Amino acid sequence: MDAIKINLINAYKINNSEKDFIVYTLDKNNYVTSYILTNNLHRHYKQGENNFKLIDIFKQQIKIINIYK
């Protein structure tokens, strides 16, 4: 899987979250277009329409920052 891209403000919000899951959608360039931070995965996750991860795993992945022009 390619790297997931997210803007800095959203990365900050996710990193400070107390929720357990992030449910998100990606565009064709793997940029997060929308997300929901939740403790109720069954309510928000729809297989084939969006993706989910544990917040703790997502936090580890967004610690690596690449800045592009």
C-alpha atoms as a PDB file:
ATOM      1  CA  MET A   1       0.000   0.000   0.000  1.00  0.00           C
ATOM      2  CA  ASP A   2       1.246   3.487  -0.861  1.00  0.00           C
ATOM      3  CA  ALA A   3       1.722   6.153   1.755  1.00  0.00           C
ATOM      4  CA  ILE A   4      -1.416   7.874   2.958  1.00  0.00           C
ATOM      5  CA  LYS A   5      -1.298  11.667   2.639  1.00  0.00           C
ATOM      6  CA  ILE A   6      -3.005  13.973   5.121  1.00  0.00           C
ATOM      7  CA  ASN A   7      -2.687  17.673   5.851  1.00  0.00           C
ATOM      8  CA  LEU A   8      -0.925  18.895   8.978  1.00  0.00           C
ATOM      9  CA  ILE A   9      -4.010  20.232  10.771  1.00  0.00           C
ATOM     10  CA  ASN A  10      -5.856  16.922  10.427  1.00  0.00           C
ATOM     11  CA  ALA A  11      -2.753  14.994  11.489  1.00  0.00           C
ATOM     12  CA  TYR A  12      -2.618  17.143  14.643  1.00  0.00           C
ATOM     13  CA  LYS A  13      -6.315  16.507  15.398  1.00  0.00           C
ATOM     14  CA  ILE A  14      -5.902  12.761  14.892  1.00  0.00           C
ATOM     15  CA  ASN A  15      -2.762  12.626  17.024  1.00  0.00           C
ATOM     16  CA  ASN A  16      -4.591  14.300  19.937  1.00  0.00           C
ATOM     17  CA  SER A  17      -7.712  12.152  19.650  1.00  0.00           C
ATOM     18  CA  GLU A  18      -9.009   9.966  22.475  1.00  0.00           C
ATOM     19  CA  LYS A  19     -11.065   7.802  20.062  1.00  0.00           C
ATOM     20  CA  ASP A  20     -10.198   4.205  19.116  1.00  0.00           C
ATOM     21  CA  PHE A  21     -10.778   4.139  15.339  1.00  0.00           C
ATOM     22  CA  ILE A  22     -10.423   6.342  12.297  1.00  0.00           C
ATOM     23  CA  VAL A  23     -12.747   5.666   9.372  1.00  0.00           C
ATOM     24  CA  TYR A  24     -11.510   7.441   6.246  1.00  0.00           C
ATOM     25  CA  THR A  25     -11.848   7.694   2.473  1.00  0.00           C
ATOM     26  CA  LEU A  26      -9.009   8.191   0.015  1.00  0.00           C
ATOM     27  CA  ASP A  27      -8.858   9.736  -3.432  1.00  0.00           C
ATOM     28  CA  LYS A  28      -6.883   8.199  -6.318  1.00  0.00           C
ATOM     29  CA  ASN A  29      -3.663   9.814  -5.021  1.00  0.00           C
ATOM     30  CA  ASN A  30      -4.046   8.283  -1.515  1.00  0.00           C
ATOM     31  CA  TYR A  31      -4.949  11.658  -0.008  1.00  0.00           C
ATOM     32  CA  VAL A  32      -7.411  11.466   2.887  1.00  0.00           C
ATOM     33  CA  THR A  33     -10.518  13.261   1.612  1.00  0.00           C
ATOM     34  CA  SER A  34     -12.688  12.709   4.684  1.00  0.00           C
ATOM     35  CA  TYR A  35     -12.444  10.968   8.025  1.00  0.00           C
ATOM     36  CA  ILE A  36     -14.381  10.283  11.206  1.00  0.00           C
ATOM     37  CA  LEU A  37     -12.835   9.603  14.598  1.00  0.00           C
ATOM     38  CA  THR A  38     -15.051   7.162  16.456  1.00  0.00           C
ATOM     39  CA  ASN A  39     -15.374   4.494  19.100  1.00  0.00           C
ATOM     40  CA  ASN A  40     -18.297   2.905  17.214  1.00  0.00           C
ATOM     41  CA  LEU A  41     -16.757   1.230  14.162  1.00  0.00           C
ATOM     42  CA  HIS A  42     -19.932  -0.620  13.143  1.00  0.00           C
ATOM     43  CA  ARG A  43     -21.859   2.617  12.754  1.00  0.00           C
ATOM     44  CA  HIS A  44     -19.423   4.351  10.369  1.00  0.00           C
ATOM     45  CA  TYR A  45     -17.439   1.689   8.477  1.00  0.00           C
ATOM     46  CA  LYS A  46     -18.929   0.491   5.207  1.00  0.00           C
ATOM     47  CA  GLN A  47     -16.911  -2.240   3.499  1.00  0.00           C
ATOM     48  CA  GLY A  48     -15.848  -1.252  -0.004  1.00  0.00           C
ATOM     49  CA  GLU A  49     -16.753   2.416   0.524  1.00  0.00           C
ATOM     50  CA  ASN A  50     -14.187   3.502   3.118  1.00  0.00           C
ATOM     51  CA  ASN A  51     -11.264   2.250   5.198  1.00  0.00           C
ATOM     52  CA  PHE A  52     -10.539   2.022   8.902  1.00  0.00           C
ATOM     53  CA  LYS A  53      -7.572   1.684  11.219  1.00  0.00           C
ATOM     54  CA  LEU A  54      -6.930   1.767  14.905  1.00  0.00           C
ATOM     55  CA  ILE A  55      -5.968   5.286  15.914  1.00  0.00           C
ATOM     56  CA  ASP A  56      -2.773   4.013  17.582  1.00  0.00           C
ATOM     57  CA  ILE A  57      -1.572   2.466  14.308  1.00  0.00           C
ATOM     58  CA  PHE A  58      -2.555   5.540  12.313  1.00  0.00           C
ATOM     59  CA  LYS A  59      -0.693   7.782  14.779  1.00  0.00           C
ATOM     60  CA  GLN A  60       2.508   5.779  14.258  1.00  0.00           C
ATOM     61  CA  GLN A  61       2.172   6.152  10.490  1.00  0.00           C
ATOM     62  CA  ILE A  62       1.611   9.922  10.530  1.00  0.00           C
ATOM     63  CA  LYS A  63       4.680  10.608  12.688  1.00  0.00           C
ATOM     64  CA  ILE A  64       6.758  10.443   9.488  1.00  0.00           C
ATOM     65  CA  ILE A  65       6.349  13.774   7.712  1.00  0.00           C
ATOM     66  CA  ASN A  66       7.361  14.443   4.118  1.00  0.00           C
ATOM     67  CA  ILE A  67       7.136  18.031   2.916  1.00  0.00           C
ATOM     68  CA  TYR A  68       6.767  18.529  -0.826  1.00  0.00           C
ATOM     69  CA  LYS A  69       6.838  21.659  -2.946  1.00  0.00           C
END
